[in-house]
N, C-alpha and C. Protein backbone atom coordinates (compact mmCIF):
# COMPACT_ATOMS: atom_id res chain seq x y z
N UNK A 1 -13.92 -5.41 24.45
CA UNK A 1 -13.77 -6.10 25.72
C UNK A 1 -15.12 -6.15 26.40
N UNK A 2 -15.26 -7.13 27.30
CA UNK A 2 -16.48 -7.18 28.09
C UNK A 2 -16.12 -7.51 29.53
N UNK A 3 -16.98 -7.10 30.45
CA UNK A 3 -16.74 -7.39 31.85
C UNK A 3 -17.45 -8.68 32.23
N UNK A 4 -17.37 -9.07 33.52
CA UNK A 4 -17.94 -10.35 33.94
C UNK A 4 -19.44 -10.41 33.75
N UNK A 5 -20.12 -9.30 33.79
CA UNK A 5 -21.58 -9.29 33.62
C UNK A 5 -21.97 -9.37 32.15
N UNK A 6 -20.97 -9.38 31.24
CA UNK A 6 -21.26 -9.48 29.82
C UNK A 6 -21.51 -8.16 29.13
N UNK A 7 -21.28 -7.06 29.85
CA UNK A 7 -21.47 -5.74 29.26
C UNK A 7 -20.22 -5.35 28.49
N UNK A 8 -20.41 -4.86 27.31
CA UNK A 8 -19.27 -4.46 26.48
C UNK A 8 -18.66 -3.14 26.91
N UNK A 9 -17.35 -3.06 26.76
CA UNK A 9 -16.64 -1.83 27.06
C UNK A 9 -15.88 -1.47 25.80
N UNK A 10 -16.15 -0.31 25.25
CA UNK A 10 -15.49 0.12 24.01
C UNK A 10 -15.47 1.64 23.97
N UNK A 11 -14.59 2.21 23.14
CA UNK A 11 -14.59 3.67 23.00
C UNK A 11 -15.95 4.15 22.50
N UNK A 12 -16.33 5.33 22.94
CA UNK A 12 -17.58 5.91 22.49
C UNK A 12 -17.43 6.36 21.04
N UNK A 13 -18.55 6.47 20.34
CA UNK A 13 -18.52 6.85 18.93
C UNK A 13 -17.82 8.18 18.70
N UNK A 14 -18.08 9.14 19.56
CA UNK A 14 -17.44 10.46 19.41
C UNK A 14 -15.92 10.34 19.51
N UNK A 15 -15.46 9.50 20.41
CA UNK A 15 -14.02 9.29 20.56
C UNK A 15 -13.44 8.63 19.32
N UNK A 16 -14.14 7.67 18.75
CA UNK A 16 -13.67 7.00 17.53
C UNK A 16 -13.61 7.98 16.35
N UNK A 17 -14.62 8.83 16.25
CA UNK A 17 -14.62 9.84 15.18
C UNK A 17 -13.44 10.78 15.36
N UNK A 18 -13.19 11.21 16.59
CA UNK A 18 -12.05 12.09 16.87
C UNK A 18 -10.73 11.41 16.50
N UNK A 19 -10.56 10.15 16.87
CA UNK A 19 -9.34 9.42 16.55
C UNK A 19 -9.16 9.30 15.03
N UNK A 20 -10.24 8.99 14.32
CA UNK A 20 -10.17 8.87 12.87
C UNK A 20 -9.76 10.20 12.24
N UNK A 21 -10.35 11.29 12.70
CA UNK A 21 -10.01 12.61 12.16
C UNK A 21 -8.56 12.96 12.46
N UNK A 22 -8.10 12.66 13.65
CA UNK A 22 -6.72 12.94 14.02
C UNK A 22 -5.75 12.18 13.13
N UNK A 23 -6.02 10.90 12.93
CA UNK A 23 -5.16 10.09 12.06
C UNK A 23 -5.22 10.56 10.61
N UNK A 24 -6.39 10.95 10.16
CA UNK A 24 -6.53 11.43 8.78
C UNK A 24 -5.67 12.67 8.55
N UNK A 25 -5.65 13.58 9.51
CA UNK A 25 -4.83 14.79 9.38
C UNK A 25 -3.35 14.40 9.34
N UNK A 26 -2.94 13.49 10.21
CA UNK A 26 -1.54 13.07 10.26
C UNK A 26 -1.13 12.38 8.96
N UNK A 27 -1.97 11.50 8.44
CA UNK A 27 -1.65 10.77 7.21
C UNK A 27 -1.78 11.66 5.98
N UNK A 28 -2.69 12.62 6.04
CA UNK A 28 -2.91 13.50 4.90
C UNK A 28 -1.66 14.23 4.45
N UNK A 29 -0.82 14.62 5.40
CA UNK A 29 0.39 15.35 5.02
C UNK A 29 1.30 14.50 4.13
N UNK A 30 1.25 13.19 4.29
CA UNK A 30 2.08 12.32 3.44
C UNK A 30 1.48 12.15 2.05
N UNK A 31 0.17 12.29 1.94
CA UNK A 31 -0.48 12.09 0.65
C UNK A 31 -0.62 13.39 -0.15
N UNK A 32 -0.88 14.49 0.54
CA UNK A 32 -1.11 15.75 -0.16
C UNK A 32 0.17 16.40 -0.67
N UNK A 33 1.32 15.97 -0.18
CA UNK A 33 2.59 16.49 -0.71
C UNK A 33 3.06 15.70 -1.92
N UNK A 34 2.35 14.67 -2.28
CA UNK A 34 2.72 13.84 -3.42
C UNK A 34 2.13 14.40 -4.71
N UNK A 35 2.68 13.94 -5.82
CA UNK A 35 2.16 14.30 -7.13
C UNK A 35 1.09 13.28 -7.49
N UNK A 36 -0.10 13.76 -7.80
CA UNK A 36 -1.21 12.86 -8.08
C UNK A 36 -1.35 12.67 -9.59
N UNK A 37 -1.45 11.40 -9.98
CA UNK A 37 -1.65 11.05 -11.38
C UNK A 37 -2.85 10.11 -11.44
N UNK A 38 -3.85 10.44 -12.26
CA UNK A 38 -4.98 9.54 -12.48
C UNK A 38 -4.75 8.85 -13.82
N UNK A 39 -4.69 7.53 -13.74
CA UNK A 39 -4.47 6.72 -14.93
C UNK A 39 -5.79 6.18 -15.45
N UNK A 40 -5.99 6.29 -16.75
CA UNK A 40 -7.06 5.58 -17.42
C UNK A 40 -6.48 4.22 -17.77
N UNK A 41 -7.20 3.16 -17.41
CA UNK A 41 -6.69 1.81 -17.62
C UNK A 41 -7.75 0.96 -18.30
N UNK A 42 -7.35 -0.13 -18.97
CA UNK A 42 -8.37 -1.08 -19.44
C UNK A 42 -9.17 -1.57 -18.23
N UNK A 43 -10.44 -1.87 -18.37
CA UNK A 43 -11.28 -2.18 -17.20
C UNK A 43 -10.93 -3.52 -16.55
N UNK A 44 -9.71 -3.60 -16.02
CA UNK A 44 -9.21 -4.84 -15.42
C UNK A 44 -8.89 -4.71 -13.94
N UNK A 45 -9.00 -3.51 -13.40
CA UNK A 45 -8.61 -3.31 -12.01
C UNK A 45 -9.53 -4.06 -11.05
N UNK A 46 -8.94 -4.50 -9.97
CA UNK A 46 -9.69 -5.05 -8.85
C UNK A 46 -9.52 -4.08 -7.69
N UNK A 47 -10.32 -4.26 -6.67
CA UNK A 47 -10.06 -3.56 -5.42
C UNK A 47 -10.11 -4.61 -4.33
N UNK A 48 -9.69 -4.24 -3.13
CA UNK A 48 -9.60 -5.21 -2.05
C UNK A 48 -10.05 -4.58 -0.75
N UNK A 49 -9.96 -5.37 0.31
CA UNK A 49 -10.28 -4.85 1.64
C UNK A 49 -9.18 -3.92 2.15
N UNK A 50 -8.08 -3.82 1.42
CA UNK A 50 -6.98 -2.89 1.72
C UNK A 50 -6.68 -2.11 0.44
N UNK A 51 -7.58 -1.20 0.01
CA UNK A 51 -7.45 -0.59 -1.31
C UNK A 51 -6.33 0.44 -1.47
N UNK A 52 -5.81 0.96 -0.37
CA UNK A 52 -4.70 1.92 -0.45
C UNK A 52 -3.41 1.13 -0.30
N UNK A 53 -2.62 1.05 -1.38
CA UNK A 53 -1.41 0.22 -1.37
C UNK A 53 -0.19 1.11 -1.60
N UNK A 54 0.68 1.11 -0.62
CA UNK A 54 1.95 1.83 -0.72
C UNK A 54 3.00 0.87 -1.27
N UNK A 55 3.65 1.26 -2.36
CA UNK A 55 4.62 0.41 -3.04
C UNK A 55 6.00 1.02 -2.86
N UNK A 56 6.91 0.26 -2.25
CA UNK A 56 8.28 0.76 -2.03
C UNK A 56 8.94 1.18 -3.33
N UNK A 57 9.04 0.23 -4.26
CA UNK A 57 9.84 0.42 -5.46
C UNK A 57 11.24 -0.12 -5.24
N UNK A 58 12.08 -0.11 -6.27
CA UNK A 58 13.43 -0.67 -6.18
C UNK A 58 14.20 -0.11 -4.98
N UNK A 59 14.90 -1.00 -4.32
CA UNK A 59 15.65 -0.61 -3.12
C UNK A 59 14.87 -0.88 -1.85
N UNK A 60 13.57 -1.07 -1.96
CA UNK A 60 12.73 -1.37 -0.80
C UNK A 60 12.44 -2.85 -0.73
N UNK A 61 11.84 -3.26 0.36
CA UNK A 61 11.51 -4.66 0.56
C UNK A 61 10.26 -5.04 -0.23
N UNK A 62 10.32 -6.16 -0.89
CA UNK A 62 9.17 -6.67 -1.63
C UNK A 62 8.19 -7.36 -0.68
N UNK A 63 8.67 -7.80 0.49
CA UNK A 63 7.84 -8.58 1.40
C UNK A 63 7.18 -7.75 2.49
N UNK A 64 7.60 -6.52 2.70
CA UNK A 64 7.03 -5.67 3.74
C UNK A 64 6.15 -4.59 3.13
N UNK A 65 5.11 -4.24 3.84
CA UNK A 65 4.28 -3.12 3.40
C UNK A 65 5.05 -1.83 3.59
N UNK A 66 5.00 -0.98 2.60
CA UNK A 66 5.71 0.29 2.66
C UNK A 66 4.92 1.28 3.52
N UNK A 67 5.61 2.27 4.03
CA UNK A 67 4.96 3.34 4.76
C UNK A 67 4.54 4.45 3.80
N UNK A 68 3.55 5.23 4.18
CA UNK A 68 3.07 6.30 3.30
C UNK A 68 4.13 7.37 3.06
N UNK A 69 5.01 7.57 4.02
CA UNK A 69 6.04 8.60 3.87
C UNK A 69 7.20 8.19 2.98
N UNK A 70 7.49 6.89 2.92
CA UNK A 70 8.68 6.43 2.19
C UNK A 70 8.37 5.72 0.88
N UNK A 71 7.14 5.33 0.66
CA UNK A 71 6.79 4.59 -0.56
C UNK A 71 7.05 5.43 -1.80
N UNK A 72 7.51 4.76 -2.85
CA UNK A 72 7.68 5.45 -4.11
C UNK A 72 6.34 5.90 -4.68
N UNK A 73 5.37 5.00 -4.61
CA UNK A 73 4.04 5.28 -5.16
C UNK A 73 2.98 4.68 -4.24
N UNK A 74 1.90 5.40 -4.03
CA UNK A 74 0.74 4.90 -3.31
C UNK A 74 -0.40 4.85 -4.33
N UNK A 75 -0.99 3.66 -4.51
CA UNK A 75 -2.05 3.50 -5.50
C UNK A 75 -3.39 3.22 -4.83
N UNK A 76 -4.45 3.71 -5.48
CA UNK A 76 -5.82 3.49 -5.03
C UNK A 76 -6.68 3.29 -6.27
N UNK A 77 -7.31 2.11 -6.42
CA UNK A 77 -8.23 1.95 -7.55
C UNK A 77 -9.48 2.81 -7.32
N UNK A 78 -9.83 3.63 -8.30
CA UNK A 78 -11.01 4.47 -8.18
C UNK A 78 -12.25 3.76 -8.73
N UNK A 79 -12.06 3.02 -9.79
CA UNK A 79 -13.08 2.16 -10.38
C UNK A 79 -12.34 1.18 -11.30
N UNK A 80 -13.00 0.26 -11.97
CA UNK A 80 -12.27 -0.70 -12.80
C UNK A 80 -11.45 -0.08 -13.94
N UNK A 81 -11.70 1.18 -14.27
CA UNK A 81 -11.00 1.84 -15.37
C UNK A 81 -10.17 3.05 -14.97
N UNK A 82 -10.06 3.32 -13.67
CA UNK A 82 -9.30 4.49 -13.21
C UNK A 82 -8.47 4.11 -11.98
N UNK A 83 -7.23 4.58 -11.98
CA UNK A 83 -6.32 4.33 -10.88
C UNK A 83 -5.69 5.65 -10.46
N UNK A 84 -5.72 5.94 -9.17
CA UNK A 84 -5.03 7.11 -8.63
C UNK A 84 -3.67 6.64 -8.14
N UNK A 85 -2.62 7.28 -8.62
CA UNK A 85 -1.26 7.02 -8.14
C UNK A 85 -0.74 8.30 -7.51
N UNK A 86 -0.35 8.23 -6.26
CA UNK A 86 0.22 9.37 -5.55
C UNK A 86 1.73 9.12 -5.47
N UNK A 87 2.47 9.92 -6.21
CA UNK A 87 3.89 9.66 -6.48
C UNK A 87 4.75 10.50 -5.54
N UNK A 88 5.76 9.87 -4.95
CA UNK A 88 6.72 10.57 -4.10
C UNK A 88 7.35 11.70 -4.90
N UNK A 89 7.49 12.91 -4.33
CA UNK A 89 8.02 14.05 -5.09
C UNK A 89 9.37 13.79 -5.75
N UNK A 90 10.26 13.05 -5.10
CA UNK A 90 11.56 12.75 -5.70
C UNK A 90 11.43 11.89 -6.95
N UNK A 91 10.55 10.90 -6.90
CA UNK A 91 10.31 10.05 -8.06
C UNK A 91 9.61 10.83 -9.17
N UNK A 92 8.62 11.65 -8.79
CA UNK A 92 7.89 12.46 -9.77
C UNK A 92 8.83 13.41 -10.49
N UNK A 93 9.82 13.94 -9.79
CA UNK A 93 10.79 14.85 -10.43
C UNK A 93 11.56 14.11 -11.51
N UNK A 94 11.85 12.82 -11.30
CA UNK A 94 12.51 12.02 -12.34
C UNK A 94 11.63 11.89 -13.58
N UNK A 95 10.32 11.98 -13.40
CA UNK A 95 9.39 11.90 -14.52
C UNK A 95 9.17 13.26 -15.17
N UNK A 96 9.72 14.31 -14.56
CA UNK A 96 9.49 15.66 -15.06
C UNK A 96 8.18 16.26 -14.56
N UNK A 97 7.61 15.70 -13.48
CA UNK A 97 6.37 16.22 -12.91
C UNK A 97 6.66 16.90 -11.59
N UNK A 98 5.90 17.92 -11.29
CA UNK A 98 6.04 18.58 -9.99
C UNK A 98 4.66 18.72 -9.36
N UNK A 99 4.67 18.79 -8.03
CA UNK A 99 3.42 18.96 -7.30
C UNK A 99 2.92 20.38 -7.51
N UNK A 100 1.75 20.50 -8.06
CA UNK A 100 1.12 21.80 -8.26
C UNK A 100 -0.20 21.79 -7.50
N UNK A 101 -0.48 22.83 -6.75
CA UNK A 101 -1.73 22.86 -6.00
C UNK A 101 -2.94 22.67 -6.93
N UNK A 102 -3.85 21.85 -6.48
CA UNK A 102 -5.11 21.62 -7.21
C UNK A 102 -4.89 21.12 -8.64
N UNK A 103 -3.81 20.40 -8.88
CA UNK A 103 -3.57 19.88 -10.23
C UNK A 103 -3.36 18.36 -10.17
N UNK A 104 -4.07 17.66 -11.02
CA UNK A 104 -3.92 16.22 -11.13
C UNK A 104 -3.45 15.92 -12.55
N UNK A 105 -2.37 15.18 -12.66
CA UNK A 105 -1.86 14.79 -13.97
C UNK A 105 -2.66 13.60 -14.48
N UNK A 106 -2.78 13.48 -15.79
CA UNK A 106 -3.51 12.38 -16.41
C UNK A 106 -2.57 11.55 -17.26
N UNK A 107 -2.76 10.23 -17.27
CA UNK A 107 -1.92 9.34 -18.06
C UNK A 107 -2.70 8.05 -18.30
N UNK A 108 -2.08 7.10 -18.97
CA UNK A 108 -2.71 5.81 -19.27
C UNK A 108 -1.77 4.68 -18.92
N UNK A 109 -2.34 3.53 -18.57
CA UNK A 109 -1.59 2.30 -18.39
C UNK A 109 -2.03 1.32 -19.46
N UNK A 110 -1.11 0.47 -19.89
CA UNK A 110 -1.44 -0.59 -20.84
C UNK A 110 -2.17 -1.71 -20.12
N UNK A 111 -2.68 -2.67 -20.86
CA UNK A 111 -3.34 -3.83 -20.24
C UNK A 111 -2.36 -4.58 -19.34
N UNK A 112 -1.14 -4.79 -19.82
CA UNK A 112 -0.16 -5.52 -19.04
C UNK A 112 0.21 -4.76 -17.76
N UNK A 113 0.40 -3.45 -17.86
CA UNK A 113 0.70 -2.64 -16.67
C UNK A 113 -0.45 -2.68 -15.67
N UNK A 114 -1.69 -2.67 -16.18
CA UNK A 114 -2.86 -2.73 -15.32
C UNK A 114 -2.91 -4.05 -14.58
N UNK A 115 -2.58 -5.15 -15.26
CA UNK A 115 -2.53 -6.46 -14.60
C UNK A 115 -1.45 -6.50 -13.53
N UNK A 116 -0.32 -5.85 -13.79
CA UNK A 116 0.74 -5.80 -12.78
C UNK A 116 0.26 -5.07 -11.52
N UNK A 117 -0.45 -3.98 -11.71
CA UNK A 117 -0.99 -3.22 -10.56
C UNK A 117 -2.05 -4.06 -9.84
N UNK A 118 -2.93 -4.72 -10.59
CA UNK A 118 -3.95 -5.57 -9.98
C UNK A 118 -3.29 -6.67 -9.14
N UNK A 119 -2.22 -7.24 -9.65
CA UNK A 119 -1.49 -8.29 -8.92
C UNK A 119 -0.94 -7.73 -7.61
N UNK A 120 -0.42 -6.52 -7.65
CA UNK A 120 0.11 -5.87 -6.44
C UNK A 120 -1.01 -5.60 -5.44
N UNK A 121 -2.17 -5.18 -5.92
CA UNK A 121 -3.31 -4.95 -5.03
C UNK A 121 -3.71 -6.25 -4.33
N UNK A 122 -3.75 -7.35 -5.08
CA UNK A 122 -4.12 -8.64 -4.51
C UNK A 122 -3.09 -9.08 -3.46
N UNK A 123 -1.82 -8.79 -3.71
CA UNK A 123 -0.76 -9.17 -2.76
C UNK A 123 -0.86 -8.42 -1.44
N UNK A 124 -1.59 -7.34 -1.40
CA UNK A 124 -1.72 -6.55 -0.18
C UNK A 124 -3.07 -6.72 0.50
N UNK A 125 -3.89 -7.62 0.00
CA UNK A 125 -5.21 -7.82 0.60
C UNK A 125 -5.10 -8.65 1.88
N UNK A 126 -6.00 -8.41 2.80
CA UNK A 126 -6.08 -9.25 3.99
C UNK A 126 -7.04 -10.41 3.75
N UNK A 127 -8.15 -10.12 3.06
CA UNK A 127 -9.15 -11.18 2.93
C UNK A 127 -9.93 -11.16 1.61
N UNK A 128 -10.37 -9.99 1.16
CA UNK A 128 -11.31 -9.93 0.05
C UNK A 128 -10.75 -9.20 -1.17
N UNK A 129 -11.06 -9.75 -2.34
CA UNK A 129 -10.80 -9.09 -3.62
C UNK A 129 -12.16 -8.85 -4.26
N UNK A 130 -12.37 -7.63 -4.73
CA UNK A 130 -13.65 -7.26 -5.34
C UNK A 130 -13.38 -6.85 -6.78
N UNK A 131 -14.18 -7.39 -7.69
CA UNK A 131 -14.00 -7.07 -9.10
C UNK A 131 -15.34 -7.08 -9.83
N UNK A 132 -15.29 -6.74 -11.09
CA UNK A 132 -16.49 -6.72 -11.92
C UNK A 132 -17.10 -8.12 -11.92
N UNK A 133 -18.45 -8.22 -11.83
CA UNK A 133 -19.09 -9.55 -11.83
C UNK A 133 -18.68 -10.38 -13.06
N UNK A 134 -18.67 -11.67 -12.87
CA UNK A 134 -18.37 -12.65 -13.92
C UNK A 134 -16.92 -12.60 -14.40
N UNK A 135 -16.05 -12.02 -13.61
CA UNK A 135 -14.63 -12.04 -13.94
C UNK A 135 -13.93 -12.73 -12.78
N UNK A 136 -12.94 -13.50 -13.05
CA UNK A 136 -12.24 -14.20 -11.96
C UNK A 136 -10.76 -13.87 -11.96
N UNK A 137 -10.44 -12.63 -12.29
CA UNK A 137 -9.05 -12.21 -12.34
C UNK A 137 -8.37 -12.36 -10.99
N UNK A 138 -9.06 -11.96 -9.92
CA UNK A 138 -8.48 -12.04 -8.58
C UNK A 138 -8.02 -13.43 -8.21
N UNK A 139 -8.76 -14.44 -8.61
CA UNK A 139 -8.39 -15.82 -8.27
C UNK A 139 -7.27 -16.35 -9.17
N UNK A 140 -7.02 -15.68 -10.28
CA UNK A 140 -5.95 -16.12 -11.19
C UNK A 140 -4.63 -15.41 -10.96
N UNK A 141 -4.63 -14.39 -10.12
CA UNK A 141 -3.39 -13.69 -9.77
C UNK A 141 -2.83 -14.33 -8.51
N UNK A 142 -1.85 -15.17 -8.67
CA UNK A 142 -1.34 -15.98 -7.56
C UNK A 142 -0.41 -15.19 -6.64
N UNK A 143 -0.71 -15.26 -5.37
CA UNK A 143 0.11 -14.66 -4.31
C UNK A 143 0.17 -15.69 -3.19
N UNK A 144 1.00 -15.43 -2.20
CA UNK A 144 1.11 -16.35 -1.07
C UNK A 144 -0.05 -16.22 -0.11
N UNK A 145 -0.11 -17.16 0.86
CA UNK A 145 -1.14 -17.05 1.90
C UNK A 145 -0.89 -15.84 2.80
N UNK A 146 -1.89 -15.49 3.55
CA UNK A 146 -1.78 -14.35 4.46
C UNK A 146 -0.68 -14.61 5.48
N UNK A 147 0.31 -13.71 5.57
CA UNK A 147 1.40 -13.91 6.54
C UNK A 147 0.94 -13.55 7.95
N UNK A 148 1.77 -13.82 8.96
CA UNK A 148 1.43 -13.40 10.32
C UNK A 148 1.16 -11.89 10.34
N UNK A 149 0.35 -11.41 11.29
CA UNK A 149 -0.04 -10.00 11.30
C UNK A 149 1.13 -9.02 11.28
N UNK A 150 2.18 -9.30 12.03
CA UNK A 150 3.33 -8.40 12.06
C UNK A 150 4.54 -9.17 12.57
N UNK A 151 5.71 -8.73 12.18
CA UNK A 151 6.96 -9.36 12.59
C UNK A 151 7.94 -8.30 13.06
N UNK A 152 8.80 -8.72 13.97
CA UNK A 152 9.92 -7.87 14.37
C UNK A 152 11.12 -8.26 13.53
N UNK A 153 11.79 -7.28 12.98
CA UNK A 153 13.02 -7.48 12.22
C UNK A 153 14.12 -6.67 12.87
N UNK A 154 15.31 -7.25 12.96
CA UNK A 154 16.44 -6.48 13.46
C UNK A 154 16.98 -5.64 12.32
N UNK A 155 17.00 -4.34 12.51
CA UNK A 155 17.43 -3.41 11.48
C UNK A 155 18.91 -3.07 11.61
N UNK A 156 19.37 -2.93 12.85
CA UNK A 156 20.77 -2.56 13.09
C UNK A 156 21.19 -3.06 14.46
N UNK A 157 22.49 -3.16 14.64
CA UNK A 157 23.05 -3.58 15.92
C UNK A 157 24.27 -2.71 16.18
N UNK A 158 24.41 -2.26 17.42
CA UNK A 158 25.58 -1.45 17.75
C UNK A 158 26.06 -1.81 19.15
N UNK A 159 27.36 -1.67 19.37
CA UNK A 159 27.90 -1.98 20.70
C UNK A 159 27.42 -0.96 21.73
N UNK A 160 27.20 -1.44 22.93
CA UNK A 160 26.85 -0.55 24.04
C UNK A 160 27.36 -1.20 25.33
N UNK A 161 28.32 -0.57 25.95
CA UNK A 161 28.90 -1.13 27.17
C UNK A 161 29.56 -2.46 26.87
N UNK A 162 29.24 -3.47 27.67
CA UNK A 162 29.82 -4.80 27.49
C UNK A 162 29.04 -5.62 26.47
N UNK A 163 27.89 -5.14 26.03
CA UNK A 163 27.06 -5.92 25.11
C UNK A 163 26.74 -5.15 23.84
N UNK A 164 25.62 -5.52 23.25
CA UNK A 164 25.16 -4.87 22.03
C UNK A 164 23.70 -4.52 22.17
N UNK A 165 23.29 -3.50 21.45
CA UNK A 165 21.90 -3.08 21.40
C UNK A 165 21.41 -3.25 19.98
N UNK A 166 20.26 -3.88 19.82
CA UNK A 166 19.68 -4.07 18.49
C UNK A 166 18.53 -3.11 18.27
N UNK A 167 18.44 -2.55 17.08
CA UNK A 167 17.32 -1.71 16.70
C UNK A 167 16.32 -2.60 15.97
N UNK A 168 15.12 -2.68 16.50
CA UNK A 168 14.10 -3.55 15.94
C UNK A 168 13.03 -2.73 15.22
N UNK A 169 12.44 -3.34 14.22
CA UNK A 169 11.35 -2.71 13.47
C UNK A 169 10.16 -3.66 13.48
N UNK A 170 9.00 -3.14 13.82
CA UNK A 170 7.77 -3.92 13.73
C UNK A 170 7.20 -3.62 12.35
N UNK A 171 7.03 -4.65 11.55
CA UNK A 171 6.54 -4.41 10.20
C UNK A 171 5.45 -5.40 9.84
N UNK A 172 4.56 -4.92 9.02
CA UNK A 172 3.49 -5.76 8.51
C UNK A 172 3.92 -6.27 7.15
N UNK A 173 3.80 -7.55 6.96
CA UNK A 173 4.22 -8.15 5.69
C UNK A 173 3.02 -8.25 4.75
N UNK A 174 3.31 -8.28 3.46
CA UNK A 174 2.26 -8.50 2.47
C UNK A 174 2.35 -9.97 2.03
N UNK A 175 1.53 -10.36 1.09
CA UNK A 175 1.50 -11.76 0.66
C UNK A 175 2.71 -12.17 -0.19
N UNK A 176 3.52 -11.22 -0.61
CA UNK A 176 4.76 -11.60 -1.30
C UNK A 176 5.69 -12.31 -0.33
N UNK A 177 5.56 -12.05 0.96
CA UNK A 177 6.43 -12.67 1.97
C UNK A 177 6.25 -14.18 2.01
N UNK A 178 5.08 -14.68 1.61
CA UNK A 178 4.80 -16.11 1.66
C UNK A 178 4.62 -16.72 0.27
N UNK A 179 4.89 -15.95 -0.76
CA UNK A 179 4.68 -16.42 -2.13
C UNK A 179 5.86 -17.27 -2.61
N UNK A 180 5.56 -18.23 -3.48
CA UNK A 180 6.61 -19.09 -4.05
C UNK A 180 7.50 -18.29 -4.99
N UNK A 181 6.94 -17.38 -5.73
CA UNK A 181 7.69 -16.54 -6.65
C UNK A 181 7.19 -15.12 -6.57
N UNK A 182 8.09 -14.18 -6.62
CA UNK A 182 7.72 -12.77 -6.50
C UNK A 182 8.04 -12.06 -7.80
N UNK A 183 7.06 -11.42 -8.43
CA UNK A 183 7.31 -10.72 -9.69
C UNK A 183 8.11 -9.43 -9.46
N UNK A 184 8.64 -8.86 -10.53
CA UNK A 184 9.32 -7.56 -10.38
C UNK A 184 8.32 -6.49 -9.93
N UNK A 185 8.84 -5.33 -9.59
CA UNK A 185 7.97 -4.21 -9.21
C UNK A 185 7.01 -3.92 -10.36
N UNK A 186 5.75 -3.53 -10.06
CA UNK A 186 4.80 -3.26 -11.14
C UNK A 186 5.19 -2.01 -11.93
N UNK A 187 4.81 -2.01 -13.19
CA UNK A 187 4.98 -0.88 -14.11
C UNK A 187 6.43 -0.40 -14.12
N UNK A 188 7.32 -1.12 -14.79
CA UNK A 188 8.75 -0.78 -14.78
C UNK A 188 9.05 0.67 -15.13
N UNK A 189 8.25 1.30 -15.98
CA UNK A 189 8.55 2.70 -16.35
C UNK A 189 8.40 3.65 -15.18
N UNK A 190 7.66 3.25 -14.14
CA UNK A 190 7.55 4.08 -12.95
C UNK A 190 8.89 4.24 -12.27
N UNK A 191 9.76 3.25 -12.35
CA UNK A 191 10.98 3.20 -11.56
C UNK A 191 12.23 3.55 -12.36
N UNK A 192 12.11 3.75 -13.67
CA UNK A 192 13.31 4.03 -14.48
C UNK A 192 13.48 5.52 -14.72
């Protein structure tokens, strides 16, 4: 913001650092309780301006961004050949994995599975896709245009007095919300 004299008004750097640290601690509890798996993948991964992608999985909305607490898997590309997947403890238990302090599980993804993850990353970007030079994978993975920043959805309605009360949810949509066709959830073995 700026005032009439053209002078900017913004939080001080120390305040911004404090806010970032506070949010990091709050969000950390959702990530550090997950089972971490580092996947070796064919060098096909892309990254984006939104590199941390929370994926609902079956039963969740394909068009809304998942929350860190409820997502089945949260993925982060580490480099073109490595992917960090932070798996919800309930889902990891289905895989026979448990959260162990200071332990990271190792696994591999196939080329096709890697492309599915790359497609999901692109669907969650706001503006930029970054990849290895001279490759145009990001432009070949079709997703919809950027949806509106956020939408209100009615989640529930209940009677109250002479009328009704609606429970609303503010949610951020991903590019699947505006896509002509939406693929299945990435890496089917994650969900079975």
